[in-house]
Structure formats: structure tokens, C-alpha cells
Amino acid sequence: MSAQGDAPFAAQSSATRKAWLPSVASYGQRAFGLGAFLHLGCQAYRAASDGPIPSGGPDAGRPVVLAMLALFWLPFALFAIGRLKAGPTRAPAREPRDTERALAVAEFLALVVIALFTIAHFADVVWPLLRGARLPSDVRSELRASLSTTTSGMPLTAAGYALAVAATAFYAARQLFHLWRSPRPSARAVAVASGVAGYLLGIYAVIRLASGPILPF
């Protein structure tokens, strides 16, 4: 009798969970489409305004990091997991078929790069910060040291960040394009311009942080 009485509640709980998960994932898509460009712009500004010794800044504080995890990264993680499970999927036809297929594959690969970079960044920077093993004031200084380090003469860490910036700018631009849901050429133009601007801001931040005051701008 108890099992029968609990069945409707279990079904209702499952239905509620199935209802809110897509909503959170959809929010994660919007948050990434807009938040990625804001993040790249902020990082470019921070890199340009930093002195010879970078300051920690409020974005490295534990409350801000926790808020970013809750409001941005966890919803995006739900969205990304769903997309990675689904594999390359084409958007509604607004491009020639071959172009759609190529963009879908490129979008999937960009998401793979973003996921791998996020996991590595969380393990190397965010988790030590949250558990107190790294001070907020040391985050950017250690990041600068890491970006300026070479392995066998190759700046592998900086190259990894540059690849992540390219993947982020491209993927965020594609999400804006999907969310716009407009067949007009202006939607494509805005998405392309946003992606290019985001990439330039992000790659400037990487180069500036890696080279420090050597870069003249």
C-alpha cells in the first residue's frame, strides 16, 4: 500500500526533474552565449590595466568564484553534457547542407575543447582557490608565470589558452546565432562580428598576460 502511494510522488518528482533540467540547460546556453564575450572583454581589460605584478582582483575572490560556478558554469555544464552526448547536430537549415554539416562538426569539436580546458582550469586554478591552497592575490601572477613558461622552447600552456579562446569565441558566437533564430543575413553578420571581436579580446589577454610589459599595447 505504501509503495503504491509513493508511486505518484516518485513519478511527479521524476517529471519535475525532467522539466527543470532542460530549463537550466537552456539558461546555460544563453549564459554562455552572452557571458563568454563579457568574460573575454573583462580579461582583456584586466590584462591591459595590470602592472608588472598582476593583482588578484575581485574576480579571484572565493564568493565571486562560487557565484560564477552556480550562475554560469554549472548550468552550462548541464547544457554541454547534453550536447556532447547528442554528438554533432545540425541547426535548422539556414545554410547550405554541406556548410551546416561542417559547422555542426566544428561546433562539436569546439565544445570538446571548451570542456577539456574547463576541467583542466578548474583542477589547476579554481579548486586550489576554493580549498584555500592558493590565495586570490596569487592567481594572476601564477597564471602569468605559467603562460610565459616554455617546454622544449614551445609555449604549450599559452598555445592551449589560445586554442581555448578560439573555441570559446566560435562556440559563443554560434550560440548567439542559434538563440537569435533569425534567417536574416544580419544575424549571421552579428554572430561573425561577435566571434571575431571575442577572439581578438581573448587572444590579446593571453598574449599580454604571457609577455607582460614587453607588449607595447
N, C-alpha and C. Protein backbone atom coordinates (compact mmCIF):
# COMPACT_ATOMS: atom_id res chain seq x y z
N MET A 1 0.83 -1.21 0.00
CA MET A 1 0.00 0.00 0.00
C MET A 1 0.86 1.25 0.00
N SER A 2 1.90 1.22 0.81
CA SER A 2 2.81 2.36 0.88
C SER A 2 3.54 2.56 -0.44
N ALA A 3 3.96 1.44 -1.05
CA ALA A 3 4.66 1.55 -2.33
C ALA A 3 3.76 2.13 -3.39
N GLN A 4 2.45 1.71 -3.37
CA GLN A 4 1.51 2.26 -4.34
C GLN A 4 1.28 3.74 -4.10
N GLY A 5 1.22 4.13 -2.82
CA GLY A 5 1.01 5.54 -2.51
C GLY A 5 2.19 6.40 -2.88
N ASP A 6 3.41 5.81 -2.79
CA ASP A 6 4.61 6.58 -3.11
C ASP A 6 4.83 6.71 -4.60
N ALA A 7 4.21 5.84 -5.39
CA ALA A 7 4.46 5.83 -6.83
C ALA A 7 4.11 7.16 -7.50
N PRO A 8 2.93 7.75 -7.21
CA PRO A 8 2.63 9.04 -7.85
C PRO A 8 3.63 10.13 -7.48
N PHE A 9 4.09 10.11 -6.22
CA PHE A 9 5.06 11.13 -5.81
C PHE A 9 6.38 10.93 -6.53
N ALA A 10 6.80 9.67 -6.71
CA ALA A 10 8.03 9.38 -7.44
C ALA A 10 7.91 9.82 -8.89
N ALA A 11 6.74 9.53 -9.50
CA ALA A 11 6.52 9.93 -10.88
C ALA A 11 6.51 11.45 -11.01
N GLN A 12 5.87 12.12 -10.03
CA GLN A 12 5.82 13.58 -10.06
C GLN A 12 7.21 14.17 -9.90
N SER A 13 8.02 13.57 -9.00
CA SER A 13 9.39 14.05 -8.80
C SER A 13 10.22 13.88 -10.07
N SER A 14 10.05 12.72 -10.73
CA SER A 14 10.78 12.47 -11.98
C SER A 14 10.36 13.45 -13.05
N ALA A 15 9.06 13.72 -13.14
CA ALA A 15 8.56 14.67 -14.15
C ALA A 15 9.07 16.08 -13.88
N THR A 16 9.10 16.45 -12.59
CA THR A 16 9.61 17.78 -12.24
C THR A 16 11.08 17.91 -12.61
N ARG A 17 11.85 16.84 -12.32
CA ARG A 17 13.27 16.86 -12.64
C ARG A 17 13.47 16.96 -14.15
N LYS A 18 12.68 16.22 -14.91
CA LYS A 18 12.79 16.26 -16.36
C LYS A 18 12.39 17.63 -16.90
N ALA A 19 11.52 18.34 -16.16
CA ALA A 19 11.07 19.65 -16.63
C ALA A 19 12.12 20.73 -16.37
N TRP A 20 12.77 20.68 -15.20
CA TRP A 20 13.69 21.78 -14.89
C TRP A 20 15.07 21.60 -15.48
N LEU A 21 15.48 20.35 -15.75
CA LEU A 21 16.80 20.15 -16.33
C LEU A 21 16.94 20.83 -17.70
N PRO A 22 15.98 20.66 -18.62
CA PRO A 22 16.10 21.39 -19.89
C PRO A 22 16.07 22.90 -19.72
N SER A 23 15.32 23.39 -18.73
CA SER A 23 15.27 24.83 -18.50
C SER A 23 16.62 25.37 -18.04
N VAL A 24 17.26 24.62 -17.12
CA VAL A 24 18.58 25.03 -16.64
C VAL A 24 19.60 24.95 -17.77
N ALA A 25 19.52 23.88 -18.58
CA ALA A 25 20.44 23.74 -19.71
C ALA A 25 20.24 24.86 -20.72
N SER A 26 18.98 25.23 -20.98
CA SER A 26 18.71 26.33 -21.90
C SER A 26 19.27 27.64 -21.37
N TYR A 27 19.11 27.84 -20.05
CA TYR A 27 19.72 29.02 -19.43
C TYR A 27 21.24 28.99 -19.57
N GLY A 28 21.83 27.78 -19.42
CA GLY A 28 23.28 27.65 -19.58
C GLY A 28 23.74 28.04 -20.97
N GLN A 29 22.94 27.70 -22.00
CA GLN A 29 23.28 28.08 -23.36
C GLN A 29 23.27 29.60 -23.51
N ARG A 30 22.23 30.25 -22.99
CA ARG A 30 22.14 31.71 -23.07
C ARG A 30 23.27 32.36 -22.28
N ALA A 31 23.52 31.82 -21.08
CA ALA A 31 24.56 32.40 -20.24
C ALA A 31 25.91 32.32 -20.91
N PHE A 32 26.20 31.20 -21.57
CA PHE A 32 27.49 31.07 -22.24
C PHE A 32 27.56 31.99 -23.45
N GLY A 33 26.47 32.05 -24.23
CA GLY A 33 26.48 32.88 -25.42
C GLY A 33 26.77 34.34 -25.12
N LEU A 34 26.27 34.83 -24.00
CA LEU A 34 26.50 36.23 -23.63
C LEU A 34 27.67 36.39 -22.67
N GLY A 35 27.76 35.49 -21.68
CA GLY A 35 28.78 35.63 -20.64
C GLY A 35 30.19 35.42 -21.14
N ALA A 36 30.36 34.58 -22.17
CA ALA A 36 31.71 34.32 -22.67
C ALA A 36 32.34 35.59 -23.22
N PHE A 37 31.56 36.38 -23.96
CA PHE A 37 32.11 37.62 -24.51
C PHE A 37 32.40 38.64 -23.41
N LEU A 38 31.53 38.68 -22.41
CA LEU A 38 31.79 39.58 -21.27
C LEU A 38 33.07 39.16 -20.55
N HIS A 39 33.26 37.86 -20.38
CA HIS A 39 34.47 37.36 -19.72
C HIS A 39 35.72 37.69 -20.53
N LEU A 40 35.67 37.47 -21.83
CA LEU A 40 36.84 37.77 -22.67
C LEU A 40 37.16 39.26 -22.64
N GLY A 41 36.12 40.09 -22.68
CA GLY A 41 36.34 41.54 -22.61
C GLY A 41 36.95 41.97 -21.28
N CYS A 42 36.43 41.38 -20.19
CA CYS A 42 36.97 41.72 -18.86
C CYS A 42 38.42 41.28 -18.73
N GLN A 43 38.74 40.10 -19.27
CA GLN A 43 40.12 39.62 -19.19
C GLN A 43 41.06 40.49 -20.01
N ALA A 44 40.58 40.97 -21.16
CA ALA A 44 41.41 41.88 -21.97
C ALA A 44 41.66 43.18 -21.22
N TYR A 45 40.61 43.70 -20.57
CA TYR A 45 40.77 44.94 -19.80
C TYR A 45 41.73 44.72 -18.63
N ARG A 46 41.57 43.60 -17.92
CA ARG A 46 42.46 43.31 -16.80
C ARG A 46 43.90 43.19 -17.27
N ALA A 47 44.10 42.51 -18.40
CA ALA A 47 45.47 42.33 -18.91
C ALA A 47 46.08 43.67 -19.30
N ALA A 48 45.27 44.56 -19.87
CA ALA A 48 45.79 45.86 -20.29
C ALA A 48 46.09 46.76 -19.10
N SER A 49 45.31 46.63 -18.02
CA SER A 49 45.47 47.54 -16.88
C SER A 49 46.40 47.00 -15.80
N ASP A 50 46.78 45.73 -15.89
CA ASP A 50 47.69 45.16 -14.89
C ASP A 50 49.08 45.79 -14.98
N GLY A 51 49.71 45.92 -13.83
CA GLY A 51 51.08 46.38 -13.79
C GLY A 51 52.05 45.22 -13.98
N PRO A 52 53.34 45.46 -13.72
CA PRO A 52 54.34 44.38 -13.85
C PRO A 52 54.00 43.17 -12.98
N ILE A 53 53.38 43.42 -11.83
CA ILE A 53 52.93 42.32 -10.97
C ILE A 53 51.40 42.35 -10.95
N PRO A 54 50.74 41.39 -11.59
CA PRO A 54 49.27 41.41 -11.67
C PRO A 54 48.64 41.32 -10.29
N SER A 55 47.53 42.04 -10.12
CA SER A 55 46.79 41.98 -8.86
C SER A 55 45.76 40.87 -8.94
N GLY A 56 45.29 40.45 -7.76
CA GLY A 56 44.31 39.36 -7.74
C GLY A 56 42.98 39.77 -8.34
N GLY A 57 42.46 40.92 -7.91
CA GLY A 57 41.19 41.40 -8.42
C GLY A 57 40.02 40.71 -7.75
N PRO A 58 38.83 41.34 -7.80
CA PRO A 58 37.65 40.76 -7.14
C PRO A 58 37.18 39.46 -7.78
N ASP A 59 37.51 39.23 -9.06
CA ASP A 59 37.03 38.02 -9.73
C ASP A 59 37.72 36.76 -9.23
N ALA A 60 38.82 36.92 -8.47
CA ALA A 60 39.51 35.76 -7.92
C ALA A 60 39.08 35.47 -6.48
N GLY A 61 38.20 36.29 -5.93
CA GLY A 61 37.72 36.05 -4.57
C GLY A 61 36.79 34.84 -4.52
N ARG A 62 36.79 34.15 -3.39
CA ARG A 62 36.00 32.93 -3.27
C ARG A 62 34.51 33.16 -3.47
N PRO A 63 33.90 34.23 -2.91
CA PRO A 63 32.46 34.44 -3.14
C PRO A 63 32.13 34.63 -4.62
N VAL A 64 32.96 35.37 -5.34
CA VAL A 64 32.71 35.59 -6.77
C VAL A 64 32.86 34.29 -7.54
N VAL A 65 33.87 33.51 -7.20
CA VAL A 65 34.09 32.23 -7.88
C VAL A 65 32.91 31.29 -7.65
N LEU A 66 32.42 31.23 -6.41
CA LEU A 66 31.27 30.38 -6.11
C LEU A 66 30.02 30.85 -6.85
N ALA A 67 29.84 32.16 -6.91
CA ALA A 67 28.68 32.70 -7.64
C ALA A 67 28.77 32.37 -9.12
N MET A 68 29.98 32.48 -9.70
CA MET A 68 30.16 32.14 -11.12
C MET A 68 29.89 30.67 -11.38
N LEU A 69 30.31 29.81 -10.45
CA LEU A 69 30.05 28.38 -10.59
C LEU A 69 28.55 28.10 -10.60
N ALA A 70 27.82 28.74 -9.67
CA ALA A 70 26.39 28.48 -9.54
C ALA A 70 25.58 29.09 -10.67
N LEU A 71 25.93 30.31 -11.08
CA LEU A 71 25.11 31.03 -12.05
C LEU A 71 25.52 30.79 -13.50
N PHE A 72 26.76 30.36 -13.71
CA PHE A 72 27.26 30.27 -15.08
C PHE A 72 27.73 28.86 -15.43
N TRP A 73 28.72 28.35 -14.69
CA TRP A 73 29.39 27.13 -15.11
C TRP A 73 28.55 25.88 -14.90
N LEU A 74 27.82 25.77 -13.80
CA LEU A 74 27.00 24.57 -13.59
C LEU A 74 25.86 24.47 -14.60
N PRO A 75 25.12 25.57 -14.86
CA PRO A 75 24.10 25.48 -15.92
C PRO A 75 24.71 25.17 -17.29
N PHE A 76 25.86 25.78 -17.58
CA PHE A 76 26.49 25.48 -18.87
C PHE A 76 26.97 24.04 -18.92
N ALA A 77 27.41 23.50 -17.78
CA ALA A 77 27.86 22.10 -17.76
C ALA A 77 26.71 21.17 -18.12
N LEU A 78 25.50 21.44 -17.59
CA LEU A 78 24.34 20.63 -17.94
C LEU A 78 24.03 20.71 -19.44
N PHE A 79 24.11 21.92 -19.97
CA PHE A 79 23.89 22.10 -21.40
C PHE A 79 24.96 21.37 -22.21
N ALA A 80 26.22 21.51 -21.81
CA ALA A 80 27.33 20.91 -22.56
C ALA A 80 27.26 19.38 -22.52
N ILE A 81 26.91 18.81 -21.37
CA ILE A 81 26.81 17.36 -21.28
C ILE A 81 25.77 16.83 -22.25
N GLY A 82 24.62 17.52 -22.31
CA GLY A 82 23.58 17.10 -23.23
C GLY A 82 24.03 17.18 -24.69
N ARG A 83 24.74 18.25 -25.04
CA ARG A 83 25.22 18.40 -26.41
C ARG A 83 26.31 17.39 -26.75
N LEU A 84 27.19 17.12 -25.80
CA LEU A 84 28.25 16.15 -26.05
C LEU A 84 27.68 14.74 -26.21
N LYS A 85 26.65 14.42 -25.43
CA LYS A 85 26.00 13.12 -25.58
C LYS A 85 25.32 12.99 -26.93
N ALA A 86 24.72 14.08 -27.39
CA ALA A 86 23.99 14.05 -28.66
C ALA A 86 24.92 13.97 -29.87
N GLY A 87 26.16 14.46 -29.72
CA GLY A 87 27.08 14.48 -30.85
C GLY A 87 26.80 15.65 -31.77
N PRO A 88 27.50 15.73 -32.89
CA PRO A 88 27.28 16.85 -33.83
C PRO A 88 25.84 16.83 -34.35
N THR A 89 25.12 17.90 -34.10
CA THR A 89 23.75 18.02 -34.60
C THR A 89 23.63 19.30 -35.39
N ARG A 90 22.94 19.22 -36.50
CA ARG A 90 22.79 20.40 -37.34
C ARG A 90 21.68 21.29 -36.81
N ALA A 91 21.87 22.59 -36.97
CA ALA A 91 20.85 23.56 -36.60
C ALA A 91 19.79 23.60 -37.69
N PRO A 92 18.65 24.27 -37.44
CA PRO A 92 17.67 24.45 -38.50
C PRO A 92 18.32 25.04 -39.75
N ALA A 93 17.87 24.58 -40.90
CA ALA A 93 18.54 24.91 -42.17
C ALA A 93 18.51 26.40 -42.46
N ARG A 94 19.65 27.03 -42.26
CA ARG A 94 19.82 28.42 -42.67
C ARG A 94 21.07 28.58 -43.51
N GLU A 95 21.73 27.44 -43.78
CA GLU A 95 22.94 27.42 -44.58
C GLU A 95 22.82 26.26 -45.57
N PRO A 96 23.62 26.25 -46.63
CA PRO A 96 23.68 25.06 -47.48
C PRO A 96 24.01 23.82 -46.65
N ARG A 97 23.54 22.66 -47.11
CA ARG A 97 23.65 21.44 -46.31
C ARG A 97 25.09 21.11 -45.93
N ASP A 98 26.02 21.21 -46.89
CA ASP A 98 27.42 20.91 -46.58
C ASP A 98 27.97 21.88 -45.54
N THR A 99 27.58 23.15 -45.65
CA THR A 99 28.02 24.15 -44.67
C THR A 99 27.46 23.85 -43.29
N GLU A 100 26.19 23.47 -43.25
CA GLU A 100 25.58 23.10 -41.97
C GLU A 100 26.33 21.95 -41.30
N ARG A 101 26.65 20.93 -42.09
CA ARG A 101 27.34 19.77 -41.55
C ARG A 101 28.72 20.15 -41.02
N ALA A 102 29.44 20.97 -41.79
CA ALA A 102 30.78 21.39 -41.36
C ALA A 102 30.71 22.23 -40.09
N LEU A 103 29.73 23.14 -40.02
CA LEU A 103 29.58 23.99 -38.84
C LEU A 103 29.19 23.16 -37.62
N ALA A 104 28.34 22.15 -37.82
CA ALA A 104 27.93 21.29 -36.71
C ALA A 104 29.12 20.53 -36.14
N VAL A 105 29.97 20.01 -37.02
CA VAL A 105 31.16 19.29 -36.57
C VAL A 105 32.12 20.25 -35.87
N ALA A 106 32.33 21.44 -36.46
CA ALA A 106 33.23 22.42 -35.85
C ALA A 106 32.71 22.87 -34.49
N GLU A 107 31.39 23.02 -34.38
CA GLU A 107 30.78 23.43 -33.11
C GLU A 107 30.97 22.35 -32.05
N PHE A 108 30.81 21.09 -32.45
CA PHE A 108 31.00 19.97 -31.51
C PHE A 108 32.45 19.91 -31.05
N LEU A 109 33.40 20.04 -31.98
CA LEU A 109 34.82 19.99 -31.61
C LEU A 109 35.19 21.16 -30.71
N ALA A 110 34.61 22.34 -30.98
CA ALA A 110 34.87 23.50 -30.12
C ALA A 110 34.37 23.24 -28.71
N LEU A 111 33.20 22.58 -28.59
CA LEU A 111 32.67 22.27 -27.27
C LEU A 111 33.56 21.26 -26.55
N VAL A 112 34.12 20.30 -27.28
CA VAL A 112 35.06 19.35 -26.67
C VAL A 112 36.27 20.09 -26.11
N VAL A 113 36.82 21.02 -26.89
CA VAL A 113 37.97 21.81 -26.43
C VAL A 113 37.60 22.61 -25.18
N ILE A 114 36.42 23.25 -25.20
CA ILE A 114 35.99 24.04 -24.05
C ILE A 114 35.83 23.16 -22.81
N ALA A 115 35.25 21.98 -22.99
CA ALA A 115 35.05 21.07 -21.85
C ALA A 115 36.39 20.63 -21.26
N LEU A 116 37.33 20.24 -22.12
CA LEU A 116 38.64 19.80 -21.63
C LEU A 116 39.38 20.94 -20.95
N PHE A 117 39.33 22.13 -21.54
CA PHE A 117 40.01 23.28 -20.94
C PHE A 117 39.38 23.63 -19.59
N THR A 118 38.04 23.59 -19.52
CA THR A 118 37.35 23.94 -18.28
C THR A 118 37.73 22.98 -17.16
N ILE A 119 37.78 21.69 -17.48
CA ILE A 119 38.17 20.69 -16.46
C ILE A 119 39.60 20.94 -15.98
N ALA A 120 40.51 21.20 -16.93
CA ALA A 120 41.91 21.45 -16.56
C ALA A 120 42.04 22.75 -15.76
N HIS A 121 41.31 23.78 -16.18
CA HIS A 121 41.37 25.07 -15.49
C HIS A 121 40.79 24.96 -14.08
N PHE A 122 39.71 24.21 -13.94
CA PHE A 122 39.12 24.02 -12.62
C PHE A 122 40.09 23.30 -11.69
N ALA A 123 40.72 22.25 -12.22
CA ALA A 123 41.65 21.47 -11.38
C ALA A 123 42.89 22.27 -11.02
N ASP A 124 43.36 23.11 -11.95
CA ASP A 124 44.62 23.81 -11.73
C ASP A 124 44.46 25.13 -10.99
N VAL A 125 43.32 25.80 -11.19
CA VAL A 125 43.15 27.15 -10.63
C VAL A 125 42.01 27.22 -9.64
N VAL A 126 40.82 26.81 -10.05
CA VAL A 126 39.62 27.06 -9.25
C VAL A 126 39.59 26.21 -7.98
N TRP A 127 39.83 24.90 -8.10
CA TRP A 127 39.76 24.03 -6.93
C TRP A 127 40.79 24.40 -5.87
N PRO A 128 42.07 24.63 -6.23
CA PRO A 128 43.01 25.08 -5.20
C PRO A 128 42.59 26.39 -4.53
N LEU A 129 41.95 27.27 -5.30
CA LEU A 129 41.47 28.54 -4.74
C LEU A 129 40.34 28.30 -3.74
N LEU A 130 39.42 27.42 -4.09
CA LEU A 130 38.28 27.17 -3.22
C LEU A 130 38.67 26.47 -1.94
N ARG A 131 39.65 25.58 -2.00
CA ARG A 131 40.04 24.84 -0.78
C ARG A 131 41.13 25.56 0.02
N GLY A 132 41.51 26.78 -0.42
CA GLY A 132 42.46 27.58 0.33
C GLY A 132 43.91 27.29 0.08
N ALA A 133 44.20 26.45 -0.91
CA ALA A 133 45.60 26.14 -1.22
C ALA A 133 46.26 27.23 -2.05
N ARG A 134 45.47 28.16 -2.57
CA ARG A 134 46.01 29.26 -3.37
C ARG A 134 45.30 30.54 -2.97
N LEU A 135 46.06 31.62 -2.80
CA LEU A 135 45.49 32.90 -2.43
C LEU A 135 44.95 33.61 -3.68
N PRO A 136 43.85 34.35 -3.54
CA PRO A 136 43.33 35.10 -4.69
C PRO A 136 44.35 36.05 -5.31
N SER A 137 45.21 36.62 -4.47
CA SER A 137 46.21 37.56 -4.96
C SER A 137 47.29 36.88 -5.80
N ASP A 138 47.39 35.55 -5.69
CA ASP A 138 48.43 34.84 -6.44
C ASP A 138 47.95 34.27 -7.77
N VAL A 139 46.64 34.32 -8.02
CA VAL A 139 46.09 33.63 -9.19
C VAL A 139 46.68 34.16 -10.48
N ARG A 140 46.62 35.47 -10.68
CA ARG A 140 47.08 36.02 -11.95
C ARG A 140 48.60 35.99 -12.07
N SER A 141 49.30 36.15 -10.96
CA SER A 141 50.76 36.05 -11.01
C SER A 141 51.20 34.65 -11.43
N GLU A 142 50.57 33.64 -10.85
CA GLU A 142 50.91 32.27 -11.22
C GLU A 142 50.47 31.94 -12.64
N LEU A 143 49.33 32.53 -13.06
CA LEU A 143 48.89 32.32 -14.43
C LEU A 143 49.87 32.95 -15.42
N ARG A 144 50.36 34.15 -15.09
CA ARG A 144 51.36 34.78 -15.95
C ARG A 144 52.62 33.92 -16.03
N ALA A 145 53.06 33.40 -14.91
CA ALA A 145 54.25 32.55 -14.91
C ALA A 145 54.03 31.31 -15.76
N SER A 146 52.83 30.74 -15.65
CA SER A 146 52.52 29.53 -16.42
C SER A 146 52.46 29.83 -17.92
N LEU A 147 51.84 30.94 -18.29
CA LEU A 147 51.71 31.28 -19.71
C LEU A 147 53.06 31.64 -20.34
N SER A 148 53.96 32.18 -19.57
CA SER A 148 55.25 32.59 -20.11
C SER A 148 56.29 31.47 -20.08
N THR A 149 55.92 30.31 -19.54
CA THR A 149 56.83 29.16 -19.47
C THR A 149 56.80 28.38 -20.77
N THR A 150 57.95 27.89 -21.19
CA THR A 150 58.02 27.07 -22.41
C THR A 150 58.48 25.66 -22.07
N THR A 151 58.08 24.72 -22.90
CA THR A 151 58.52 23.33 -22.79
C THR A 151 59.24 22.97 -24.08
N SER A 152 60.55 22.71 -23.97
CA SER A 152 61.39 22.46 -25.16
C SER A 152 61.28 23.62 -26.15
N GLY A 153 61.21 24.82 -25.60
CA GLY A 153 61.12 26.01 -26.44
C GLY A 153 59.74 26.32 -26.96
N MET A 154 58.73 25.52 -26.60
CA MET A 154 57.37 25.72 -27.10
C MET A 154 56.48 26.23 -25.97
N PRO A 155 55.74 27.32 -26.20
CA PRO A 155 54.82 27.84 -25.17
C PRO A 155 53.52 27.04 -25.15
N LEU A 156 53.58 25.83 -24.64
CA LEU A 156 52.45 24.92 -24.74
C LEU A 156 51.23 25.41 -23.95
N THR A 157 51.47 25.96 -22.76
CA THR A 157 50.34 26.44 -21.97
C THR A 157 49.66 27.61 -22.66
N ALA A 158 50.45 28.55 -23.17
CA ALA A 158 49.88 29.70 -23.88
C ALA A 158 49.14 29.24 -25.13
N ALA A 159 49.68 28.24 -25.82
CA ALA A 159 49.00 27.69 -27.01
C ALA A 159 47.67 27.06 -26.63
N GLY A 160 47.65 26.36 -25.50
CA GLY A 160 46.40 25.77 -25.03
C GLY A 160 45.36 26.83 -24.72
N TYR A 161 45.78 27.92 -24.08
CA TYR A 161 44.85 29.02 -23.79
C TYR A 161 44.38 29.67 -25.08
N ALA A 162 45.27 29.84 -26.04
CA ALA A 162 44.89 30.44 -27.32
C ALA A 162 43.85 29.57 -28.04
N LEU A 163 44.05 28.26 -28.00
CA LEU A 163 43.09 27.35 -28.61
C LEU A 163 41.74 27.43 -27.90
N ALA A 164 41.77 27.51 -26.57
CA ALA A 164 40.53 27.63 -25.80
C ALA A 164 39.82 28.93 -26.11
N VAL A 165 40.56 30.00 -26.28
CA VAL A 165 39.96 31.29 -26.64
C VAL A 165 39.26 31.20 -27.99
N ALA A 166 39.93 30.59 -28.97
CA ALA A 166 39.33 30.45 -30.31
C ALA A 166 38.06 29.60 -30.23
N ALA A 167 38.11 28.49 -29.50
CA ALA A 167 36.94 27.62 -29.37
C ALA A 167 35.80 28.35 -28.66
N THR A 168 36.14 29.10 -27.61
CA THR A 168 35.11 29.83 -26.85
C THR A 168 34.44 30.89 -27.70
N ALA A 169 35.24 31.69 -28.41
CA ALA A 169 34.67 32.76 -29.24
C ALA A 169 33.78 32.17 -30.33
N PHE A 170 34.24 31.10 -30.98
CA PHE A 170 33.45 30.48 -32.05
C PHE A 170 32.16 29.89 -31.49
N TYR A 171 32.27 29.14 -30.40
CA TYR A 171 31.10 28.47 -29.85
C TYR A 171 30.08 29.47 -29.31
N ALA A 172 30.55 30.51 -28.64
CA ALA A 172 29.64 31.53 -28.11
C ALA A 172 28.93 32.25 -29.25
N ALA A 173 29.65 32.54 -30.32
CA ALA A 173 29.03 33.20 -31.48
C ALA A 173 27.96 32.30 -32.10
N ARG A 174 28.24 31.00 -32.18
CA ARG A 174 27.25 30.07 -32.73
C ARG A 174 26.01 29.98 -31.83
N GLN A 175 26.19 30.06 -30.51
CA GLN A 175 25.03 30.00 -29.62
C GLN A 175 24.18 31.26 -29.78
N LEU A 176 24.80 32.40 -29.94
CA LEU A 176 24.04 33.62 -30.19
C LEU A 176 23.25 33.49 -31.49
N PHE A 177 23.88 32.89 -32.50
CA PHE A 177 23.22 32.70 -33.78
C PHE A 177 22.01 31.77 -33.63
N HIS A 178 22.16 30.68 -32.87
CA HIS A 178 21.05 29.77 -32.65
C HIS A 178 19.92 30.44 -31.86
N LEU A 179 20.29 31.21 -30.84
CA LEU A 179 19.28 31.83 -29.99
C LEU A 179 18.52 32.94 -30.72
N TRP A 180 19.20 33.58 -31.67
CA TRP A 180 18.55 34.66 -32.40
C TRP A 180 17.40 34.11 -33.24
N ARG A 181 17.55 32.92 -33.81
CA ARG A 181 16.53 32.25 -34.61
C ARG A 181 16.04 33.11 -35.77
N SER A 182 16.93 33.83 -36.38
CA SER A 182 16.56 34.70 -37.49
C SER A 182 17.29 34.26 -38.75
N PRO A 183 16.55 34.16 -39.89
CA PRO A 183 17.21 33.81 -41.15
C PRO A 183 17.88 34.99 -41.84
N ARG A 184 17.78 36.17 -41.25
CA ARG A 184 18.32 37.36 -41.90
C ARG A 184 19.84 37.32 -41.93
N PRO A 185 20.44 37.86 -42.99
CA PRO A 185 21.92 37.93 -43.05
C PRO A 185 22.51 38.73 -41.90
N SER A 186 21.73 39.67 -41.35
CA SER A 186 22.25 40.48 -40.25
C SER A 186 22.54 39.63 -39.03
N ALA A 187 21.76 38.56 -38.81
CA ALA A 187 22.02 37.68 -37.67
C ALA A 187 23.37 37.00 -37.82
N ARG A 188 23.65 36.52 -39.03
CA ARG A 188 24.93 35.88 -39.29
C ARG A 188 26.07 36.88 -39.13
N ALA A 189 25.85 38.11 -39.63
CA ALA A 189 26.91 39.13 -39.56
C ALA A 189 27.23 39.49 -38.11
N VAL A 190 26.18 39.62 -37.28
CA VAL A 190 26.40 39.95 -35.87
C VAL A 190 27.13 38.81 -35.17
N ALA A 191 26.75 37.56 -35.47
CA ALA A 191 27.41 36.41 -34.86
C ALA A 191 28.88 36.35 -35.25
N VAL A 192 29.16 36.56 -36.54
CA VAL A 192 30.55 36.52 -37.00
C VAL A 192 31.35 37.65 -36.36
N ALA A 193 30.78 38.86 -36.34
CA ALA A 193 31.49 40.00 -35.74
C ALA A 193 31.74 39.77 -34.26
N SER A 194 30.76 39.18 -33.57
CA SER A 194 30.93 38.90 -32.14
C SER A 194 32.05 37.89 -31.92
N GLY A 195 32.07 36.85 -32.76
CA GLY A 195 33.11 35.83 -32.63
C GLY A 195 34.50 36.39 -32.87
N VAL A 196 34.63 37.22 -33.91
CA VAL A 196 35.94 37.82 -34.21
C VAL A 196 36.37 38.75 -33.09
N ALA A 197 35.44 39.59 -32.62
CA ALA A 197 35.77 40.52 -31.54
C ALA A 197 36.15 39.76 -30.26
N GLY A 198 35.38 38.71 -29.94
CA GLY A 198 35.70 37.92 -28.76
C GLY A 198 37.06 37.26 -28.85
N TYR A 199 37.38 36.74 -30.05
CA TYR A 199 38.69 36.10 -30.23
C TYR A 199 39.82 37.12 -30.06
N LEU A 200 39.66 38.29 -30.68
CA LEU A 200 40.71 39.31 -30.59
C LEU A 200 40.92 39.75 -29.14
N LEU A 201 39.83 39.93 -28.40
CA LEU A 201 39.95 40.33 -27.00
C LEU A 201 40.63 39.23 -26.18
N GLY A 202 40.21 38.00 -26.41
CA GLY A 202 40.78 36.89 -25.65
C GLY A 202 42.24 36.64 -25.96
N ILE A 203 42.59 36.67 -27.24
CA ILE A 203 43.98 36.40 -27.61
C ILE A 203 44.88 37.54 -27.17
N TYR A 204 44.34 38.77 -27.15
CA TYR A 204 45.11 39.90 -26.61
C TYR A 204 45.40 39.67 -25.14
N ALA A 205 44.39 39.20 -24.38
CA ALA A 205 44.59 38.95 -22.95
C ALA A 205 45.66 37.89 -22.73
N VAL A 206 45.64 36.83 -23.54
CA VAL A 206 46.63 35.76 -23.39
C VAL A 206 48.04 36.28 -23.70
N ILE A 207 48.16 36.99 -24.81
CA ILE A 207 49.49 37.49 -25.22
C ILE A 207 50.00 38.51 -24.21
N ARG A 208 49.14 39.40 -23.79
CA ARG A 208 49.54 40.45 -22.85
C ARG A 208 49.95 39.85 -21.49
N LEU A 209 49.17 38.87 -21.03
CA LEU A 209 49.48 38.27 -19.75
C LEU A 209 50.74 37.43 -19.82
N ALA A 210 50.97 36.79 -20.98
CA ALA A 210 52.16 35.96 -21.13
C ALA A 210 53.42 36.79 -21.28
N SER A 211 53.32 37.92 -22.01
CA SER A 211 54.51 38.71 -22.29
C SER A 211 54.72 39.83 -21.29
N GLY A 212 53.68 40.18 -20.50
CA GLY A 212 53.81 41.25 -19.52
C GLY A 212 54.02 42.58 -20.21
N PRO A 213 54.90 43.42 -19.67
CA PRO A 213 55.11 44.77 -20.22
C PRO A 213 55.88 44.78 -21.54
N ILE A 214 56.29 43.59 -22.05
CA ILE A 214 57.03 43.57 -23.31
C ILE A 214 56.15 44.04 -24.46
N LEU A 215 54.85 43.64 -24.43
CA LEU A 215 53.93 44.05 -25.48
C LEU A 215 53.63 45.54 -25.32
N PRO A 216 53.79 46.36 -26.36
CA PRO A 216 53.69 47.81 -26.20
C PRO A 216 52.28 48.34 -26.13
N PHE A 217 51.23 47.49 -26.16
CA PHE A 217 49.86 48.00 -26.09
C PHE A 217 48.99 47.03 -25.33
